[in-house]
Protein backbone atom coordinates (compact mmCIF):
# COMPACT_ATOMS: atom_id res chain seq x y z
CA UNK A 1 132.19 -92.45 -13.00
CA UNK A 2 128.75 -90.90 -12.56
CA UNK A 3 125.66 -93.11 -11.77
CA UNK A 4 123.96 -95.41 -14.29
CA UNK A 5 120.30 -95.89 -13.35
CA UNK A 6 119.68 -98.64 -16.04
CA UNK A 7 119.92 -102.39 -15.48
CA UNK A 8 122.36 -104.01 -17.84
CA UNK A 9 120.67 -107.45 -17.81
CA UNK A 10 117.03 -105.99 -18.31
CA UNK A 11 117.95 -103.19 -20.65
CA UNK A 12 121.43 -103.59 -22.20
CA UNK A 13 120.90 -100.95 -24.90
CA UNK A 14 120.01 -98.06 -22.57
CA UNK A 15 122.73 -99.29 -20.07
CA UNK A 16 125.42 -99.07 -22.78
CA UNK A 17 124.04 -95.77 -23.94
CA UNK A 18 124.04 -94.39 -20.41
CA UNK A 19 127.64 -95.76 -19.83
CA UNK A 20 128.92 -93.92 -22.82
CA UNK A 21 127.46 -90.73 -21.36
CA UNK A 22 128.63 -91.06 -17.53
CA UNK A 23 132.12 -92.76 -18.14
CA UNK A 24 134.64 -90.07 -18.26
CA UNK A 25 137.82 -91.69 -17.16
CA UNK A 26 139.56 -93.63 -20.09
CA UNK A 27 140.64 -96.46 -17.91
CA UNK A 28 137.18 -96.90 -16.68
CA UNK A 29 135.85 -96.91 -20.33
CA UNK A 30 138.53 -99.70 -21.32
CA UNK A 31 137.67 -101.71 -18.31
CA UNK A 32 133.95 -101.54 -19.22
CA UNK A 33 134.68 -102.63 -22.93
CA UNK A 34 136.98 -105.48 -21.96
CA UNK A 35 134.81 -106.62 -18.91
CA UNK A 36 131.14 -106.12 -18.97
CA UNK A 37 130.21 -104.65 -22.35
CA UNK A 38 127.03 -106.07 -23.65
CA UNK A 39 127.88 -106.53 -27.29
CA UNK A 40 124.63 -107.38 -29.32
CA UNK A 41 125.43 -110.76 -30.75
CA UNK A 42 123.88 -112.29 -33.76
CA UNK A 43 122.36 -115.14 -31.58
CA UNK A 44 120.46 -112.34 -29.74
CA UNK A 45 119.26 -110.58 -32.69
CA UNK A 46 118.23 -113.82 -34.46
CA UNK A 47 116.67 -115.28 -31.35
CA UNK A 48 114.51 -112.14 -30.89
CA UNK A 49 113.52 -112.40 -34.66
CA UNK A 50 112.56 -115.95 -34.26
CA UNK A 51 110.39 -115.23 -31.21
CA UNK A 52 108.75 -112.14 -32.80
CA UNK A 53 107.85 -114.28 -35.88
CA UNK A 54 106.28 -116.88 -33.78
CA UNK A 55 104.14 -114.14 -32.02
CA UNK A 56 103.15 -112.62 -35.29
CA UNK A 57 102.33 -115.70 -37.21
CA UNK A 58 100.70 -117.45 -34.14
CA UNK A 59 103.06 -120.49 -34.22
CA UNK A 60 105.47 -122.06 -31.92
CA UNK A 61 109.09 -120.85 -31.66
CA UNK A 62 110.16 -124.22 -32.84
CA UNK A 63 108.08 -123.91 -35.91
CA UNK A 64 109.47 -120.50 -36.64
CA UNK A 65 113.05 -121.71 -36.22
CA UNK A 66 112.35 -124.61 -38.66
CA UNK A 67 111.07 -122.01 -41.30
CA UNK A 68 114.33 -120.39 -40.97
CA UNK A 69 116.33 -123.61 -41.16
CA UNK A 70 114.72 -124.51 -44.43
CA UNK A 71 115.84 -121.17 -45.86
CA UNK A 72 119.47 -121.03 -44.72
CA UNK A 73 120.20 -124.48 -43.53
CA UNK A 74 120.04 -126.04 -39.97
CA UNK A 75 123.79 -125.81 -39.18
CA UNK A 76 123.81 -122.04 -40.02
CA UNK A 77 120.92 -121.42 -37.71
CA UNK A 78 122.71 -123.49 -34.93
CA UNK A 79 125.89 -121.46 -35.48
CA UNK A 80 123.87 -118.26 -35.35
CA UNK A 81 122.02 -119.11 -32.14
CA UNK A 82 125.16 -120.40 -30.26
CA UNK A 83 125.32 -118.03 -27.09
CA UNK A 84 128.43 -115.81 -26.80
CA UNK A 85 129.16 -115.63 -30.49
CA UNK A 86 129.24 -112.55 -32.54
CA UNK A 87 129.23 -114.25 -35.90
CA UNK A 88 129.31 -111.82 -38.85
CA UNK A 89 126.28 -112.05 -41.20
CA UNK A 90 125.88 -110.77 -44.66
CA UNK A 91 123.09 -108.53 -45.92
CA UNK A 92 122.11 -111.26 -48.27
CA UNK A 93 121.71 -113.69 -45.55
CA UNK A 94 119.89 -111.23 -43.28
CA UNK A 95 117.35 -110.61 -46.16
CA UNK A 96 117.09 -114.45 -46.42
CA UNK A 97 116.04 -114.36 -42.75
CA UNK A 98 113.47 -111.80 -43.17
CA UNK A 99 111.94 -113.68 -45.98
CA UNK A 100 112.00 -116.99 -44.09
CA UNK A 101 110.19 -115.40 -41.14
CA UNK A 102 107.73 -113.63 -43.30
CA UNK A 103 108.93 -110.18 -41.82
CA UNK A 104 107.13 -106.94 -42.92
CA UNK A 105 109.28 -104.62 -44.90
CA UNK A 106 109.83 -102.14 -41.91
CA UNK A 107 110.85 -104.94 -39.57
CA UNK A 108 113.27 -106.34 -42.17
CA UNK A 109 114.85 -102.80 -42.37
CA UNK A 110 115.18 -102.80 -38.53
CA UNK A 111 116.75 -106.30 -38.60
CA UNK A 112 119.58 -105.13 -40.99
CA UNK A 113 120.29 -102.08 -38.78
CA UNK A 114 120.49 -104.26 -35.63
CA UNK A 115 122.98 -106.52 -37.44
CA UNK A 116 125.07 -103.44 -38.26
CA UNK A 117 124.26 -103.59 -41.93
CA UNK A 118 123.16 -100.96 -44.46
CA UNK A 119 119.35 -100.73 -44.95
CA UNK A 120 117.58 -101.21 -48.09
CA UNK A 121 118.77 -98.91 -50.90
CA UNK A 122 116.09 -97.87 -53.45
CA UNK A 123 118.62 -97.42 -56.20
CA UNK A 124 119.78 -101.12 -55.83
CA UNK A 125 117.59 -103.14 -57.92
CA UNK A 126 118.03 -106.20 -55.62
CA UNK A 127 117.07 -104.30 -52.69
CA UNK A 128 113.96 -102.86 -54.42
CA UNK A 129 112.88 -106.23 -55.56
CA UNK A 130 113.28 -107.64 -52.14
CA UNK A 131 111.38 -104.81 -50.62
CA UNK A 132 108.58 -105.40 -53.03
CA UNK A 133 108.58 -109.19 -52.37
CA UNK A 134 108.55 -108.60 -48.48
CA UNK A 135 105.44 -106.20 -48.96
CA UNK A 136 103.73 -108.81 -51.18
CA UNK A 137 104.48 -111.98 -49.14
CA UNK A 138 106.86 -113.65 -51.66
CA UNK A 139 109.45 -116.15 -50.76
CA UNK A 140 113.11 -115.35 -51.25
CA UNK A 141 113.53 -117.63 -54.51
CA UNK A 142 110.70 -115.59 -56.28
CA UNK A 143 112.41 -112.43 -55.57
CA UNK A 144 115.77 -113.71 -56.50
CA UNK A 145 114.48 -115.12 -59.71
CA UNK A 146 113.01 -111.56 -60.57
CA UNK A 147 116.37 -110.02 -59.80
CA UNK A 148 118.27 -112.39 -62.20
CA UNK A 149 115.54 -111.77 -64.82
CA UNK A 150 115.91 -108.02 -64.56
CA UNK A 151 119.78 -108.35 -64.81
CA UNK A 152 119.15 -109.98 -68.33
CA UNK A 153 116.41 -107.80 -69.50
CA UNK A 154 118.28 -104.51 -68.26
CA UNK A 155 121.98 -105.21 -68.55
CA UNK A 156 122.87 -101.70 -67.51
CA UNK A 157 120.83 -101.60 -64.46
CA UNK A 158 123.68 -102.75 -62.07
CA UNK A 159 126.11 -100.09 -63.37
CA UNK A 160 128.40 -99.03 -60.53
CA UNK A 161 129.14 -95.58 -61.67
CA UNK A 162 128.11 -93.20 -59.09
CA UNK A 163 128.60 -90.07 -60.92
CA UNK A 164 125.32 -88.33 -61.85
CA UNK A 165 124.87 -88.02 -65.66
CA UNK A 166 122.10 -85.45 -65.80
CA UNK A 167 119.76 -83.40 -63.43
CA UNK A 168 117.04 -86.21 -63.33
CA UNK A 169 119.48 -88.77 -62.48
CA UNK A 170 120.96 -86.53 -59.71
CA UNK A 171 117.52 -86.95 -57.88
CA UNK A 172 118.75 -90.37 -56.93
CA UNK A 173 117.41 -92.37 -54.26
CA UNK A 174 114.56 -90.15 -53.10
CA UNK A 175 113.21 -89.73 -56.62
CA UNK A 176 113.24 -93.55 -57.18
CA UNK A 177 111.48 -94.19 -53.74
CA UNK A 178 108.77 -91.57 -54.67
CA UNK A 179 108.20 -93.16 -57.97
CA UNK A 180 107.90 -96.56 -56.29
CA UNK A 181 105.46 -95.41 -53.74
CA UNK A 182 103.36 -93.75 -56.26
CA UNK A 183 102.25 -96.83 -57.96
CA UNK A 184 104.08 -100.19 -57.83
CA UNK A 185 101.19 -102.38 -56.54
CA UNK A 186 100.66 -105.22 -58.94
CA UNK A 187 103.53 -107.33 -60.33
CA UNK A 188 103.05 -105.64 -63.77
CA UNK A 189 103.14 -102.14 -62.36
CA UNK A 190 106.30 -102.98 -60.48
CA UNK A 191 107.90 -104.25 -63.64
CA UNK A 192 106.71 -101.07 -65.36
CA UNK A 193 108.26 -98.99 -62.41
CA UNK A 194 111.61 -100.67 -63.13
CA UNK A 195 111.37 -100.23 -66.76
CA UNK A 196 110.56 -96.56 -66.54
CA UNK A 197 113.24 -95.86 -63.92
CA UNK A 198 116.01 -98.16 -65.33
CA UNK A 199 118.41 -95.30 -65.83
CA UNK A 200 118.29 -94.33 -62.13
CA UNK A 201 119.42 -97.54 -60.73
CA UNK A 202 122.94 -98.35 -59.55
CA UNK A 203 124.69 -100.09 -56.66
CA UNK A 204 126.46 -97.04 -55.24
CA UNK A 205 124.98 -94.73 -52.53
CA UNK A 206 125.29 -91.35 -54.15
CA UNK A 207 124.47 -89.37 -50.95
CA UNK A 208 127.13 -91.08 -48.99
CA UNK A 209 129.72 -90.23 -51.86
CA UNK A 210 128.57 -86.72 -52.03
CA UNK A 211 128.89 -86.28 -48.29
CA UNK A 212 132.28 -87.87 -48.22
CA UNK A 213 133.51 -85.46 -50.74
CA UNK A 214 132.08 -82.60 -48.88
CA UNK A 215 133.96 -83.60 -45.82
CA UNK A 216 137.15 -84.03 -48.01
CA UNK A 217 136.55 -80.52 -49.30
CA UNK A 218 135.99 -79.10 -45.76
CA UNK A 219 139.42 -80.50 -44.93
CA UNK A 220 141.09 -79.11 -47.92
CA UNK A 221 139.56 -75.57 -47.11
CA UNK A 222 140.80 -75.97 -43.52
CA UNK A 223 144.25 -76.83 -44.62
CA UNK A 224 144.28 -73.99 -47.25
CA UNK A 225 143.25 -71.41 -44.72
CA UNK A 226 145.79 -72.51 -42.06
CA UNK A 227 148.62 -72.75 -44.74
CA UNK A 228 147.77 -69.25 -46.05
CA UNK A 229 147.91 -67.81 -42.41
CA UNK A 230 151.19 -69.65 -41.85
CA UNK A 231 152.45 -68.34 -45.25
CA UNK A 232 151.66 -64.68 -44.27
CA UNK A 233 153.31 -65.02 -40.89
CA UNK A 234 156.46 -66.41 -42.42
CA UNK A 235 156.53 -63.59 -44.99
CA UNK A 236 156.33 -61.08 -42.19
CA UNK A 237 159.08 -62.80 -40.37
CA UNK A 238 161.21 -63.38 -43.47
CA UNK A 239 161.15 -67.22 -43.11
CA UNK A 240 161.09 -69.89 -45.64
CA UNK A 241 157.71 -70.67 -47.27
CA UNK A 242 156.39 -74.28 -47.28
CA UNK A 243 156.49 -76.21 -50.59
CA UNK A 244 152.68 -75.34 -51.19
CA UNK A 245 152.39 -71.60 -51.08
CA UNK A 246 148.97 -71.32 -52.78
CA UNK A 247 146.98 -73.52 -50.47
CA UNK A 248 146.87 -76.43 -52.98
CA UNK A 249 145.99 -79.50 -51.08
CA UNK A 250 146.04 -82.77 -52.91
CA UNK A 251 143.67 -85.75 -52.30
CA UNK A 252 146.54 -87.74 -51.26
CA UNK A 253 147.32 -85.28 -48.58
CA UNK A 254 143.70 -85.23 -47.43
CA UNK A 255 143.87 -89.00 -47.47
CA UNK A 256 146.80 -88.77 -44.95
CA UNK A 257 144.75 -86.44 -42.73
CA UNK A 258 142.01 -88.91 -42.58
CA UNK A 259 144.40 -91.78 -41.98
CA UNK A 260 145.24 -89.81 -38.68
CA UNK A 261 141.69 -90.16 -37.61
CA UNK A 262 141.55 -93.95 -37.86
CA UNK A 263 142.56 -95.92 -34.96
CA UNK A 264 145.78 -97.91 -35.54
CA UNK A 265 144.29 -101.31 -34.63
CA UNK A 266 144.52 -103.52 -37.72
CA UNK A 267 146.62 -106.67 -36.96
CA UNK A 268 146.60 -106.20 -33.26
CA UNK A 269 146.41 -109.72 -31.94
CA UNK A 270 146.32 -108.73 -28.27
CA UNK A 271 142.66 -107.60 -28.46
CA UNK A 272 139.95 -110.10 -27.83
CA UNK A 273 138.85 -111.55 -31.21
CA UNK A 274 135.31 -110.45 -31.10
CA UNK A 275 136.25 -106.94 -29.85
CA UNK A 276 139.01 -106.58 -32.51
CA UNK A 277 136.66 -107.76 -35.19
CA UNK A 278 133.95 -105.31 -34.32
CA UNK A 279 136.15 -102.25 -33.99
CA UNK A 280 138.55 -102.92 -36.68
CA UNK A 281 136.56 -104.60 -39.60
CA UNK A 282 136.65 -102.61 -42.78
CA UNK A 283 139.49 -100.44 -41.32
CA UNK A 284 142.53 -102.01 -43.08
CA UNK A 285 146.17 -101.32 -42.48
CA UNK A 286 147.61 -97.89 -43.36
CA UNK A 287 148.67 -98.59 -46.74
CA UNK A 288 145.39 -100.16 -47.54
CA UNK A 289 143.61 -97.26 -46.16
CA UNK A 290 145.45 -94.95 -48.49
CA UNK A 291 144.28 -97.06 -51.38
CA UNK A 292 140.63 -97.30 -50.12
CA UNK A 293 140.32 -93.55 -49.67
CA UNK A 294 141.84 -93.04 -53.36
CA UNK A 295 139.30 -95.52 -54.59
CA UNK A 296 136.29 -93.75 -52.94
CA UNK A 297 137.48 -90.35 -54.08
CA UNK A 298 137.81 -91.62 -57.74
CA UNK A 299 134.48 -93.35 -57.43
CA UNK A 300 135.77 -96.88 -57.62
CA UNK A 301 134.69 -98.03 -54.17
CA UNK A 302 131.56 -97.85 -52.07
CA UNK A 303 131.84 -95.49 -49.07
CA UNK A 304 132.13 -97.77 -46.00
CA UNK A 305 130.15 -96.55 -43.04
CA UNK A 306 133.34 -96.50 -40.65
CA UNK A 307 135.60 -94.61 -42.97
CA UNK A 308 132.69 -92.22 -43.81
CA UNK A 309 132.03 -91.53 -40.06
CA UNK A 310 135.76 -91.13 -39.43
CA UNK A 311 136.13 -88.59 -42.34
CA UNK A 312 133.16 -86.72 -40.89
CA UNK A 313 134.88 -86.49 -37.55
CA UNK A 314 138.21 -85.49 -39.12
CA UNK A 315 136.46 -82.56 -40.84
CA UNK A 316 134.91 -81.26 -37.76
CA UNK A 317 136.79 -78.15 -36.85
CA UNK A 318 136.16 -77.03 -33.29
CA UNK A 319 132.86 -78.79 -32.91
CA UNK A 320 132.56 -77.72 -29.28
CA UNK A 321 133.01 -73.99 -30.02
CA UNK A 322 129.17 -73.25 -29.87
CA UNK A 323 128.80 -75.20 -26.66
CA UNK A 324 131.58 -73.20 -24.96
CA UNK A 325 130.21 -70.03 -26.29
CA UNK A 326 126.70 -70.86 -24.99
CA UNK A 327 128.00 -71.83 -21.56
CA UNK A 328 130.17 -68.72 -21.19
CA UNK A 329 127.06 -66.54 -21.55
CA UNK A 330 125.32 -68.24 -18.78
CA UNK A 331 125.69 -68.11 -14.97
CA UNK A 332 125.34 -71.75 -14.01
CA UNK A 333 125.99 -73.88 -11.00
CA UNK A 334 128.50 -76.67 -11.59
CA UNK A 335 125.40 -79.24 -11.61
CA UNK A 336 123.50 -76.95 -14.19
CA UNK A 337 126.61 -76.58 -16.22
CA UNK A 338 127.21 -80.41 -16.43
CA UNK A 339 123.53 -80.93 -17.36
CA UNK A 340 123.80 -78.38 -20.14
CA UNK A 341 126.97 -80.08 -21.46
CA UNK A 342 125.30 -83.50 -21.42
CA UNK A 343 122.34 -82.18 -23.39
CA UNK A 344 124.52 -80.51 -25.84
CA UNK A 345 126.29 -83.94 -26.28
CA UNK A 346 123.12 -85.69 -26.80
CA UNK A 347 122.12 -83.23 -29.50
CA UNK A 348 125.37 -83.76 -31.28
CA UNK A 349 124.70 -87.64 -31.37
CA UNK A 350 121.23 -86.89 -32.74
CA UNK A 351 122.89 -84.66 -35.48
CA UNK A 352 125.27 -87.50 -36.30
CA UNK A 353 122.31 -90.01 -36.52
CA UNK A 354 119.83 -87.86 -38.37
CA UNK A 355 121.96 -85.59 -40.52
CA UNK A 356 125.22 -87.59 -41.12
CA UNK A 357 124.37 -91.31 -41.15
CA UNK A 358 120.54 -92.06 -41.85
CA UNK A 359 120.36 -89.99 -45.00
CA UNK A 360 122.97 -92.24 -46.41
CA UNK A 361 120.96 -95.48 -45.49
CA UNK A 362 123.48 -96.22 -42.68
CA UNK A 363 122.34 -97.07 -39.06
CA UNK A 364 122.60 -94.64 -36.35
CA UNK A 365 125.19 -94.76 -33.76
CA UNK A 366 124.59 -98.08 -31.80
CA UNK A 367 125.60 -97.99 -28.21
CA UNK A 368 126.09 -101.76 -28.19
CA UNK A 369 128.59 -101.86 -30.91
CA UNK A 370 132.06 -101.22 -29.62
CA UNK A 371 133.18 -98.98 -32.49
CA UNK A 372 130.26 -96.80 -32.23
CA UNK A 373 130.41 -96.80 -28.41
CA UNK A 374 134.07 -95.49 -28.36
CA UNK A 375 133.19 -92.76 -30.78
CA UNK A 376 130.28 -91.62 -28.47
CA UNK A 377 132.47 -91.98 -25.34
CA UNK A 378 135.32 -90.04 -26.81
CA UNK A 379 132.92 -87.32 -27.89
CA UNK A 380 131.42 -87.32 -24.38
CA UNK A 381 134.80 -86.85 -22.89
CA UNK A 382 135.58 -83.96 -25.08
CA UNK A 383 132.32 -82.33 -24.09
CA UNK A 384 132.98 -83.01 -20.33
CA UNK A 385 136.36 -81.41 -20.60
CA UNK A 386 135.16 -78.64 -22.70
CA UNK A 387 138.00 -79.31 -25.04
CA UNK A 388 137.71 -79.20 -28.87
CA UNK A 389 137.25 -82.79 -30.04
CA UNK A 390 140.36 -84.38 -31.65
CA UNK A 391 140.61 -87.89 -33.07
CA UNK A 392 143.38 -88.23 -30.64
CA UNK A 393 140.60 -88.94 -27.95
CA UNK A 394 139.56 -91.94 -30.04
CA UNK A 395 143.13 -93.07 -30.46
CA UNK A 396 143.85 -92.78 -26.78
CA UNK A 397 140.99 -95.15 -25.91
CA UNK A 398 142.11 -97.73 -28.51
CA UNK A 399 145.64 -97.46 -27.48
CA UNK A 400 144.60 -98.11 -23.93
CA UNK A 401 142.56 -101.11 -25.04
CA UNK A 402 145.81 -102.55 -26.49
CA UNK A 403 147.89 -102.01 -23.52
CA UNK A 404 145.18 -103.26 -21.25
CA UNK A 405 145.50 -106.67 -22.90
CA UNK A 406 149.22 -106.60 -23.18
CA UNK A 407 149.83 -105.66 -19.53
CA UNK A 408 147.34 -108.31 -18.32
CA UNK A 409 145.29 -105.99 -16.38
């Protein structure tokens, strides 16, 4: 393991990021996850939010906490602030926290991401109303009442169909956001904005769906190409052809490929509860995964961030090819070479964050979330070893996590 210059207690996020970069040995990575990994807890996130609210509103932290208790209940706040617990929190509850603590909209967006939740979606009417409410100092009840009112006045506004109906509708989130920022100042202007853009609203994130389909199609193309090459070789050798000789790859077969990229971790009781929950939540058993992928492909299910990210990784063919070519053209010392490799890895993480996740309203890779960390670390090991990334790297780490527990290491 290389040196980490960050202090875990004073800067846990940078420490975890650095450890993802310098931890090359799989067993060391497993030991870190099981021993000293600084998982960001709800207690930490809500505690910081309360403190920041007290500073922003010039009140005591006790007063800020009481404001929060009035919105979500005292017992809920006590449970959230209990040290050492990584309680799950829903997006609706997180938004209530933002209203209770009178957060600016931008801070509320950051809160959602810190809690590993999707950000505000400008095609989701409830998210849009809550954004407007936060920007205009409403309380949560006022915003919620308007959402209920809109659902009555515009009964089709929550239509979950994510397939674009026409060119205007295909503009989606960016188009709606632009219309909002152009002139939704007064309440009347906001209501008119909703009325004028009713047909563009929906609960699904089209960008995520379109990207997911792109990854599926990339896998289809990859499989078709490899099958055609295999067929040509078999014809030359006089061998038997496989059942699909024309490169026709079904969605079901693609689903099986993506399943291979998903760690077999569901139902594993040997893992620590918090760790198991954070890594495996929204990753069901194999049979359920097949169903989930089928529902996404057929537009009956929202694209979950973890499945979306794993589909992206499965579709990446020889992602280290350019790095290896770049380094092959240079005469470098071992230290220079390692530094170049590290920089290429960091650039890849930036691409995943800026080009893959954030355009879909999903939070970037968070070094303090175990699932994200093992993805970052498995990629880093692939870069270090100058091997094409394989989802086997991810599975290897998860398998070692399981055996670490069962062997009582």
